[in-house]
Amino acid sequence: MWQLHILMDCRKIEQIIMKNITVTYAKNPKSGVPAMSSGVEECTKKGIFARNIKELVLENVEIEGQDGELLVTEGIDHFVQ
């Protein structure tokens, strides 16, 4: 019997910096899968989802009208707000 072994690259993104950003949503947005988001289901009006990052910096970031949490993180080593 053959076995398939999949090795995933688990290196973290070194740093993401977001400064002076305002996000607002359309009244009737189209649902879809976010770009570059493996494993994320189709959605609309979500806040920020950040995963597998060594340092996440969010300075003066505003999101208005999202459904659910403003920020969802997973595997963030250092968070600066």
PDB file of N, CA and C in Angstrom:
ATOM      1  N   MET A   1       0.838  -1.174   0.000  1.00  0.00           N
ATOM      2  CA  MET A   1       0.000   0.000   0.000  1.00  0.00           C
ATOM      3  C   MET A   1       0.887   1.243   0.000  1.00  0.00           C
ATOM      4  N   TRP A   2       0.541   2.201  -0.830  1.00  0.00           N
ATOM      5  CA  TRP A   2       1.270   3.460  -0.910  1.00  0.00           C
ATOM      6  C   TRP A   2       0.756   4.433   0.134  1.00  0.00           C
ATOM      7  N   GLN A   3       1.656   5.211   0.666  1.00  0.00           N
ATOM      8  CA  GLN A   3       1.271   6.254   1.612  1.00  0.00           C
ATOM      9  C   GLN A   3       1.760   7.600   1.095  1.00  0.00           C
ATOM     10  N   LEU A   4       0.941   8.606   1.226  1.00  0.00           N
ATOM     11  CA  LEU A   4       1.302   9.947   0.802  1.00  0.00           C
ATOM     12  C   LEU A   4       1.614  10.773   2.045  1.00  0.00           C
ATOM     13  N   HIS A   5       2.808  11.326   2.083  1.00  0.00           N
ATOM     14  CA  HIS A   5       3.220  12.162   3.208  1.00  0.00           C
ATOM     15  C   HIS A   5       3.307  13.599   2.715  1.00  0.00           C
ATOM     16  N   ILE A   6       2.576  14.493   3.344  1.00  0.00           N
ATOM     17  CA  ILE A   6       2.577  15.902   2.967  1.00  0.00           C
ATOM     18  C   ILE A   6       3.297  16.690   4.053  1.00  0.00           C
ATOM     19  N   LEU A   7       4.328  17.392   3.647  1.00  0.00           N
ATOM     20  CA  LEU A   7       5.071  18.230   4.583  1.00  0.00           C
ATOM     21  C   LEU A   7       4.657  19.677   4.351  1.00  0.00           C
ATOM     22  N   MET A   8       4.213  20.336   5.391  1.00  0.00           N
ATOM     23  CA  MET A   8       3.786  21.727   5.263  1.00  0.00           C
ATOM     24  C   MET A   8       4.867  22.644   5.812  1.00  0.00           C
ATOM     25  N   ASP A   9       5.093  23.731   5.117  1.00  0.00           N
ATOM     26  CA  ASP A   9       6.046  24.735   5.562  1.00  0.00           C
ATOM     27  C   ASP A   9       5.374  25.544   6.667  1.00  0.00           C
ATOM     28  N   CYS A  10       5.848  25.400   7.897  1.00  0.00           N
ATOM     29  CA  CYS A  10       5.195  26.031   9.045  1.00  0.00           C
ATOM     30  C   CYS A  10       5.926  27.281   9.516  1.00  0.00           C
ATOM     31  N   ARG A  11       6.743  27.868   8.663  1.00  0.00           N
ATOM     32  CA  ARG A  11       7.428  29.095   9.061  1.00  0.00           C
ATOM     33  C   ARG A  11       6.417  30.224   9.196  1.00  0.00           C
ATOM     34  N   LYS A  12       6.659  31.084  10.166  1.00  0.00           N
ATOM     35  CA  LYS A  12       5.754  32.214  10.393  1.00  0.00           C
ATOM     36  C   LYS A  12       6.184  33.417   9.566  1.00  0.00           C
ATOM     37  N   ILE A  13       5.214  34.263   9.255  1.00  0.00           N
ATOM     38  CA  ILE A  13       5.495  35.556   8.650  1.00  0.00           C
ATOM     39  C   ILE A  13       6.205  36.378   9.711  1.00  0.00           C
ATOM     40  N   GLU A  14       7.288  37.040   9.354  1.00  0.00           N
ATOM     41  CA  GLU A  14       8.083  37.795  10.328  1.00  0.00           C
ATOM     42  C   GLU A  14       7.299  38.947  10.951  1.00  0.00           C
ATOM     43  N   GLN A  15       6.687  39.793  10.105  1.00  0.00           N
ATOM     44  CA  GLN A  15       6.032  40.987  10.639  1.00  0.00           C
ATOM     45  C   GLN A  15       5.005  41.519   9.640  1.00  0.00           C
ATOM     46  N   ILE A  16       3.862  41.944  10.153  1.00  0.00           N
ATOM     47  CA  ILE A  16       2.859  42.660   9.372  1.00  0.00           C
ATOM     48  C   ILE A  16       2.552  43.938  10.125  1.00  0.00           C
ATOM     49  N   ILE A  17       2.648  45.069   9.414  1.00  0.00           N
ATOM     50  CA  ILE A  17       2.364  46.371  10.009  1.00  0.00           C
ATOM     51  C   ILE A  17       1.241  47.018   9.212  1.00  0.00           C
ATOM     52  N   MET A  18       0.191  47.411   9.909  1.00  0.00           N
ATOM     53  CA  MET A  18      -0.924  48.141   9.298  1.00  0.00           C
ATOM     54  C   MET A  18      -1.101  49.427  10.091  1.00  0.00           C
ATOM     55  N   LYS A  19      -1.005  50.578   9.410  1.00  0.00           N
ATOM     56  CA  LYS A  19      -1.126  51.876  10.075  1.00  0.00           C
ATOM     57  C   LYS A  19      -2.091  52.764   9.304  1.00  0.00           C
ATOM     58  N   ASN A  20      -2.904  53.511  10.068  1.00  0.00           N
ATOM     59  CA  ASN A  20      -3.790  54.530   9.505  1.00  0.00           C
ATOM     60  C   ASN A  20      -4.689  53.964   8.404  1.00  0.00           C
ATOM     61  N   ILE A  21      -5.444  52.926   8.750  1.00  0.00           N
ATOM     62  CA  ILE A  21      -6.338  52.258   7.808  1.00  0.00           C
ATOM     63  C   ILE A  21      -7.761  52.311   8.341  1.00  0.00           C
ATOM     64  N   THR A  22      -8.713  52.667   7.474  1.00  0.00           N
ATOM     65  CA  THR A  22     -10.129  52.635   7.804  1.00  0.00           C
ATOM     66  C   THR A  22     -10.829  51.752   6.788  1.00  0.00           C
ATOM     67  N   VAL A  23     -11.616  50.792   7.281  1.00  0.00           N
ATOM     68  CA  VAL A  23     -12.358  49.874   6.419  1.00  0.00           C
ATOM     69  C   VAL A  23     -13.834  50.017   6.736  1.00  0.00           C
ATOM     70  N   THR A  24     -14.649  50.195   5.693  1.00  0.00           N
ATOM     71  CA  THR A  24     -16.100  50.171   5.841  1.00  0.00           C
ATOM     72  C   THR A  24     -16.646  49.196   4.808  1.00  0.00           C
ATOM     73  N   TYR A  25     -17.797  48.635   5.085  1.00  0.00           N
ATOM     74  CA  TYR A  25     -18.379  47.618   4.204  1.00  0.00           C
ATOM     75  C   TYR A  25     -19.573  48.171   3.447  1.00  0.00           C
ATOM     76  N   ALA A  26     -19.787  47.638   2.255  1.00  0.00           N
ATOM     77  CA  ALA A  26     -20.966  47.986   1.460  1.00  0.00           C
ATOM     78  C   ALA A  26     -22.212  47.479   2.187  1.00  0.00           C
ATOM     79  N   LYS A  27     -23.358  48.070   1.875  1.00  0.00           N
ATOM     80  CA  LYS A  27     -24.602  47.644   2.521  1.00  0.00           C
ATOM     81  C   LYS A  27     -24.971  46.214   2.155  1.00  0.00           C
ATOM     82  N   ASN A  28     -24.740  45.816   0.917  1.00  0.00           N
ATOM     83  CA  ASN A  28     -25.070  44.464   0.447  1.00  0.00           C
ATOM     84  C   ASN A  28     -23.861  43.833  -0.245  1.00  0.00           C
ATOM     85  N   PRO A  29     -22.808  43.507   0.508  1.00  0.00           N
ATOM     86  CA  PRO A  29     -21.601  42.961  -0.116  1.00  0.00           C
ATOM     87  C   PRO A  29     -21.812  41.538  -0.638  1.00  0.00           C
ATOM     88  N   LYS A  30     -21.003  41.156  -1.624  1.00  0.00           N
ATOM     89  CA  LYS A  30     -21.040  39.796  -2.151  1.00  0.00           C
ATOM     90  C   LYS A  30     -20.178  38.908  -1.269  1.00  0.00           C
ATOM     91  N   SER A  31     -20.651  37.710  -1.033  1.00  0.00           N
ATOM     92  CA  SER A  31     -19.915  36.740  -0.234  1.00  0.00           C
ATOM     93  C   SER A  31     -18.823  36.101  -1.087  1.00  0.00           C
ATOM     94  N   GLY A  32     -17.725  35.699  -0.448  1.00  0.00           N
ATOM     95  CA  GLY A  32     -16.645  35.043  -1.173  1.00  0.00           C
ATOM     96  C   GLY A  32     -15.572  34.538  -0.224  1.00  0.00           C
ATOM     97  N   VAL A  33     -14.590  33.842  -0.784  1.00  0.00           N
ATOM     98  CA  VAL A  33     -13.456  33.344  -0.005  1.00  0.00           C
ATOM     99  C   VAL A  33     -12.366  34.408  -0.068  1.00  0.00           C
ATOM    100  N   PRO A  34     -11.848  34.844   1.077  1.00  0.00           N
ATOM    101  CA  PRO A  34     -10.798  35.860   1.077  1.00  0.00           C
ATOM    102  C   PRO A  34      -9.551  35.378   0.323  1.00  0.00           C
ATOM    103  N   ALA A  35      -8.913  36.284  -0.396  1.00  0.00           N
ATOM    104  CA  ALA A  35      -7.695  35.953  -1.134  1.00  0.00           C
ATOM    105  C   ALA A  35      -6.600  35.490  -0.183  1.00  0.00           C
ATOM    106  N   MET A  36      -5.830  34.529  -0.603  1.00  0.00           N
ATOM    107  CA  MET A  36      -4.685  34.008   0.151  1.00  0.00           C
ATOM    108  C   MET A  36      -5.076  33.518   1.544  1.00  0.00           C
ATOM    109  N   SER A  37      -6.228  32.899   1.665  1.00  0.00           N
ATOM    110  CA  SER A  37      -6.708  32.446   2.967  1.00  0.00           C
ATOM    111  C   SER A  37      -7.053  30.962   2.930  1.00  0.00           C
ATOM    112  N   SER A  38      -6.056  30.144   2.970  1.00  0.00           N
ATOM    113  CA  SER A  38      -6.252  28.698   2.945  1.00  0.00           C
ATOM    114  C   SER A  38      -7.041  28.245   4.167  1.00  0.00           C
ATOM    115  N   GLY A  39      -8.110  27.500   3.931  1.00  0.00           N
ATOM    116  CA  GLY A  39      -8.893  26.949   5.026  1.00  0.00           C
ATOM    117  C   GLY A  39      -9.993  27.865   5.551  1.00  0.00           C
ATOM    118  N   VAL A  40     -10.137  29.049   4.975  1.00  0.00           N
ATOM    119  CA  VAL A  40     -11.187  29.971   5.408  1.00  0.00           C
ATOM    120  C   VAL A  40     -12.389  29.797   4.488  1.00  0.00           C
ATOM    121  N   GLU A  41     -13.546  29.643   5.069  1.00  0.00           N
ATOM    122  CA  GLU A  41     -14.759  29.437   4.285  1.00  0.00           C
ATOM    123  C   GLU A  41     -15.257  30.754   3.703  1.00  0.00           C
ATOM    124  N   GLU A  42     -16.151  30.641   2.736  1.00  0.00           N
ATOM    125  CA  GLU A  42     -16.780  31.807   2.129  1.00  0.00           C
ATOM    126  C   GLU A  42     -17.432  32.650   3.223  1.00  0.00           C
ATOM    127  N   CYS A  43     -17.265  33.964   3.129  1.00  0.00           N
ATOM    128  CA  CYS A  43     -17.802  34.845   4.160  1.00  0.00           C
ATOM    129  C   CYS A  43     -17.996  36.245   3.595  1.00  0.00           C
ATOM    130  N   THR A  44     -18.535  37.102   4.426  1.00  0.00           N
ATOM    131  CA  THR A  44     -18.703  38.514   4.077  1.00  0.00           C
ATOM    132  C   THR A  44     -18.650  39.351   5.355  1.00  0.00           C
ATOM    133  N   LYS A  45     -18.149  40.555   5.236  1.00  0.00           N
ATOM    134  CA  LYS A  45     -18.124  41.521   6.336  1.00  0.00           C
ATOM    135  C   LYS A  45     -17.403  41.008   7.585  1.00  0.00           C
ATOM    136  N   LYS A  46     -16.284  40.334   7.384  1.00  0.00           N
ATOM    137  CA  LYS A  46     -15.489  39.870   8.520  1.00  0.00           C
ATOM    138  C   LYS A  46     -14.475  40.936   8.901  1.00  0.00           C
ATOM    139  N   GLY A  47     -14.024  40.896  10.134  1.00  0.00           N
ATOM    140  CA  GLY A  47     -12.966  41.788  10.587  1.00  0.00           C
ATOM    141  C   GLY A  47     -11.627  41.258  10.106  1.00  0.00           C
ATOM    142  N   ILE A  48     -10.585  41.506  10.853  1.00  0.00           N
ATOM    143  CA  ILE A  48      -9.244  41.043  10.499  1.00  0.00           C
ATOM    144  C   ILE A  48      -9.041  39.639  11.056  1.00  0.00           C
ATOM    145  N   PHE A  49      -8.552  38.737  10.218  1.00  0.00           N
ATOM    146  CA  PHE A  49      -8.171  37.391  10.640  1.00  0.00           C
ATOM    147  C   PHE A  49      -6.679  37.265  10.379  1.00  0.00           C
ATOM    148  N   ALA A  50      -5.892  37.104  11.440  1.00  0.00           N
ATOM    149  CA  ALA A  50      -4.437  37.036  11.318  1.00  0.00           C
ATOM    150  C   ALA A  50      -3.949  35.727  11.922  1.00  0.00           C
ATOM    151  N   ARG A  51      -3.121  35.009  11.145  1.00  0.00           N
ATOM    152  CA  ARG A  51      -2.644  33.699  11.606  1.00  0.00           C
ATOM    153  C   ARG A  51      -1.165  33.531  11.272  1.00  0.00           C
ATOM    154  N   ASN A  52      -0.440  32.908  12.205  1.00  0.00           N
ATOM    155  CA  ASN A  52       0.927  32.459  11.974  1.00  0.00           C
ATOM    156  C   ASN A  52       1.881  33.617  11.665  1.00  0.00           C
ATOM    157  N   ILE A  53       1.927  34.602  12.576  1.00  0.00           N
ATOM    158  CA  ILE A  53       2.746  35.806  12.396  1.00  0.00           C
ATOM    159  C   ILE A  53       3.590  36.016  13.655  1.00  0.00           C
ATOM    160  N   LYS A  54       4.873  36.331  13.476  1.00  0.00           N
ATOM    161  CA  LYS A  54       5.724  36.604  14.632  1.00  0.00           C
ATOM    162  C   LYS A  54       5.338  37.925  15.300  1.00  0.00           C
ATOM    163  N   GLU A  55       5.170  38.997  14.504  1.00  0.00           N
ATOM    164  CA  GLU A  55       4.777  40.284  15.080  1.00  0.00           C
ATOM    165  C   GLU A  55       3.697  40.928  14.218  1.00  0.00           C
ATOM    166  N   LEU A  56       2.577  41.271  14.849  1.00  0.00           N
ATOM    167  CA  LEU A  56       1.470  41.955  14.193  1.00  0.00           C
ATOM    168  C   LEU A  56       1.320  43.330  14.822  1.00  0.00           C
ATOM    169  N   VAL A  57       1.420  44.373  13.992  1.00  0.00           N
ATOM    170  CA  VAL A  57       1.307  45.748  14.461  1.00  0.00           C
ATOM    171  C   VAL A  57       0.087  46.378  13.792  1.00  0.00           C
ATOM    172  N   LEU A  58      -0.871  46.815  14.606  1.00  0.00           N
ATOM    173  CA  LEU A  58      -2.062  47.508  14.116  1.00  0.00           C
ATOM    174  C   LEU A  58      -2.132  48.851  14.817  1.00  0.00           C
ATOM    175  N   GLU A  59      -1.831  49.918  14.092  1.00  0.00           N
ATOM    176  CA  GLU A  59      -1.856  51.259  14.663  1.00  0.00           C
ATOM    177  C   GLU A  59      -2.879  52.102  13.917  1.00  0.00           C
ATOM    178  N   ASN A  60      -3.846  52.634  14.648  1.00  0.00           N
ATOM    179  CA  ASN A  60      -4.889  53.470  14.079  1.00  0.00           C
ATOM    180  C   ASN A  60      -5.630  52.736  12.953  1.00  0.00           C
ATOM    181  N   VAL A  61      -6.049  51.512  13.240  1.00  0.00           N
ATOM    182  CA  VAL A  61      -6.807  50.698  12.291  1.00  0.00           C
ATOM    183  C   VAL A  61      -8.261  50.653  12.756  1.00  0.00           C
ATOM    184  N   GLU A  62      -9.176  51.077  11.891  1.00  0.00           N
ATOM    185  CA  GLU A  62     -10.600  51.101  12.222  1.00  0.00           C
ATOM    186  C   GLU A  62     -11.366  50.259  11.216  1.00  0.00           C
ATOM    187  N   ILE A  63     -12.266  49.430  11.726  1.00  0.00           N
ATOM    188  CA  ILE A  63     -13.148  48.640  10.871  1.00  0.00           C
ATOM    189  C   ILE A  63     -14.559  48.905  11.349  1.00  0.00           C
ATOM    190  N   GLU A  64     -15.418  49.311  10.426  1.00  0.00           N
ATOM    191  CA  GLU A  64     -16.793  49.656  10.779  1.00  0.00           C
ATOM    192  C   GLU A  64     -17.764  48.765  10.023  1.00  0.00           C
ATOM    193  N   GLY A  65     -18.715  48.192  10.758  1.00  0.00           N
ATOM    194  CA  GLY A  65     -19.785  47.427  10.122  1.00  0.00           C
ATOM    195  C   GLY A  65     -19.519  45.957   9.932  1.00  0.00           C
ATOM    196  N   GLN A  66     -18.481  45.437  10.557  1.00  0.00           N
ATOM    197  CA  GLN A  66     -18.198  44.013  10.412  1.00  0.00           C
ATOM    198  C   GLN A  66     -19.220  43.184  11.180  1.00  0.00           C
ATOM    199  N   ASP A  67     -19.392  41.950  10.755  1.00  0.00           N
ATOM    200  CA  ASP A  67     -20.208  40.991  11.496  1.00  0.00           C
ATOM    201  C   ASP A  67     -19.262  40.159  12.349  1.00  0.00           C
ATOM    202  N   GLY A  68     -19.468  40.140  13.638  1.00  0.00           N
ATOM    203  CA  GLY A  68     -18.615  39.347  14.517  1.00  0.00           C
ATOM    204  C   GLY A  68     -17.453  40.155  15.066  1.00  0.00           C
ATOM    205  N   GLU A  69     -16.425  39.435  15.448  1.00  0.00           N
ATOM    206  CA  GLU A  69     -15.259  40.043  16.095  1.00  0.00           C
ATOM    207  C   GLU A  69     -14.502  40.969  15.148  1.00  0.00           C
ATOM    208  N   LEU A  70     -13.957  42.033  15.710  1.00  0.00           N
ATOM    209  CA  LEU A  70     -13.117  42.954  14.943  1.00  0.00           C
ATOM    210  C   LEU A  70     -11.801  42.290  14.556  1.00  0.00           C
ATOM    211  N   LEU A  71     -11.235  41.512  15.488  1.00  0.00           N
ATOM    212  CA  LEU A  71      -9.931  40.893  15.268  1.00  0.00           C
ATOM    213  C   LEU A  71      -9.950  39.465  15.791  1.00  0.00           C
ATOM    214  N   VAL A  72      -9.564  38.525  14.933  1.00  0.00           N
ATOM    215  CA  VAL A  72      -9.423  37.123  15.310  1.00  0.00           C
ATOM    216  C   VAL A  72      -7.983  36.733  14.996  1.00  0.00           C
ATOM    217  N   THR A  73      -7.259  36.240  16.008  1.00  0.00           N
ATOM    218  CA  THR A  73      -5.857  35.881  15.799  1.00  0.00           C
ATOM    219  C   THR A  73      -5.616  34.426  16.173  1.00  0.00           C
ATOM    220  N   GLU A  74      -4.578  33.890  15.555  1.00  0.00           N
ATOM    221  CA  GLU A  74      -4.189  32.506  15.803  1.00  0.00           C
ATOM    222  C   GLU A  74      -2.687  32.402  15.551  1.00  0.00           C
ATOM    223  N   GLY A  75      -1.913  32.033  16.537  1.00  0.00           N
ATOM    224  CA  GLY A  75      -0.490  31.845  16.353  1.00  0.00           C
ATOM    225  C   GLY A  75       0.288  33.146  16.180  1.00  0.00           C
ATOM    226  N   ILE A  76      -0.105  34.194  16.930  1.00  0.00           N
ATOM    227  CA  ILE A  76       0.601  35.490  16.878  1.00  0.00           C
ATOM    228  C   ILE A  76       1.530  35.536  18.091  1.00  0.00           C
ATOM    229  N   ASP A  77       2.831  35.719  17.843  1.00  0.00           N
ATOM    230  CA  ASP A  77       3.792  35.742  18.948  1.00  0.00           C
ATOM    231  C   ASP A  77       3.786  37.077  19.702  1.00  0.00           C
ATOM    232  N   HIS A  78       3.696  38.189  18.974  1.00  0.00           N
ATOM    233  CA  HIS A  78       3.754  39.517  19.597  1.00  0.00           C
ATOM    234  C   HIS A  78       2.749  40.413  18.882  1.00  0.00           C
ATOM    235  N   PHE A  79       1.880  41.055  19.677  1.00  0.00           N
ATOM    236  CA  PHE A  79       0.844  41.919  19.106  1.00  0.00           C
ATOM    237  C   PHE A  79       0.997  43.329  19.652  1.00  0.00           C
ATOM    238  N   VAL A  80       1.072  44.334  18.750  1.00  0.00           N
ATOM    239  CA  VAL A  80       1.183  45.736  19.138  1.00  0.00           C
ATOM    240  C   VAL A  80      -0.022  46.462  18.576  1.00  0.00           C
ATOM    241  N   GLN A  81      -0.727  47.193  19.456  1.00  0.00           N
ATOM    242  CA  GLN A  81      -1.902  47.930  19.006  1.00  0.00           C
ATOM    243  C   GLN A  81      -1.800  49.374  19.418  1.00  0.00           C
TER     244      GLN A  81
END
